[in-house]
Protein backbone atom coordinates (compact mmCIF):
# COMPACT_ATOMS: atom_id res chain seq x y z
CA MET A 1 -7.59 -5.55 15.69
CA ASP A 2 -10.18 -4.94 12.98
CA THR A 3 -9.11 -6.02 9.51
CA ILE A 4 -9.71 -2.59 8.04
CA GLN A 5 -7.70 -0.94 10.80
CA TYR A 6 -4.87 -3.42 10.17
CA LEU A 7 -4.90 -2.71 6.42
CA LYS A 8 -4.95 1.07 7.06
CA ALA A 9 -1.93 0.69 9.35
CA GLN A 10 -0.08 -1.29 6.64
CA LYS A 11 -1.02 1.38 4.11
CA ALA A 12 0.29 4.18 6.36
CA LYS A 13 3.58 2.25 6.89
CA LEU A 14 4.06 1.75 3.13
CA GLU A 15 3.27 5.44 2.40
CA ALA A 16 5.82 6.53 5.01
CA GLU A 17 8.46 4.26 3.47
CA MET A 18 7.72 5.53 0.03
CA GLN A 19 8.15 9.16 1.08
CA TRP A 20 11.82 8.68 1.70
CA MET A 21 12.41 6.64 -1.42
CA ASP A 22 13.44 8.48 -4.54
CA LYS A 23 10.64 8.30 -7.16
CA ASP A 24 13.14 8.67 -10.03
CA PHE A 25 14.86 5.30 -9.48
CA SER A 26 15.31 3.19 -12.58
CA PHE A 27 13.33 -0.04 -12.39
CA ASP A 28 16.53 -1.81 -13.36
CA THR A 29 18.03 -1.01 -9.91
CA GLU A 30 17.27 -2.68 -6.59
CA GLU A 31 15.86 0.58 -5.26
CA GLY A 32 13.54 0.90 -8.23
CA ARG A 33 12.27 -2.64 -7.79
CA ARG A 34 11.65 -1.98 -4.07
CA TYR A 35 9.74 1.18 -4.94
CA ALA A 36 7.60 -0.62 -7.49
CA GLU A 37 6.94 -3.45 -5.09
CA ALA A 38 5.89 -1.01 -2.36
CA LEU A 39 3.63 0.82 -4.80
CA LEU A 40 2.01 -2.46 -5.86
CA LYS A 41 1.40 -3.49 -2.22
CA LEU A 42 -0.08 -0.07 -1.56
CA VAL A 43 -2.56 -0.42 -4.45
CA LEU A 44 -3.56 -3.90 -3.34
CA ILE A 45 -4.09 -2.83 0.25
CA HIS A 46 -6.18 0.14 -0.96
CA MET A 47 -8.32 -2.26 -3.04
CA GLN A 48 -8.79 -4.59 -0.02
CA ILE A 49 -9.81 -1.70 2.18
CA GLU A 50 -12.38 -0.55 -0.40
CA GLU A 51 -13.78 -4.06 -0.81
CA LYS A 52 -14.13 -4.53 2.97
CA GLU A 53 -15.76 -1.14 3.41
CA LYS A 54 -18.26 -1.89 0.64
CA ASN A 55 -19.05 -5.23 2.22
CA ARG A 56 -19.54 -3.57 5.61
CA ALA A 57 -21.78 -0.90 4.11
CA ALA A 58 -23.88 -3.54 2.31
CA LYS A 59 -24.69 -5.30 5.62
């Protein structure tokens, strides 16, 4: 599987998980920490996708 496709699949999975999570959790709770962790992973994956697409376009 292509790296970009893999990252996009991971992104879609995280977005789906975050949809059922309550966005109003306090970060002091376990649910809030899981939401923040998922959001961080989502941002990092998005950055990796952008980087790889830029590298691919530069070639």
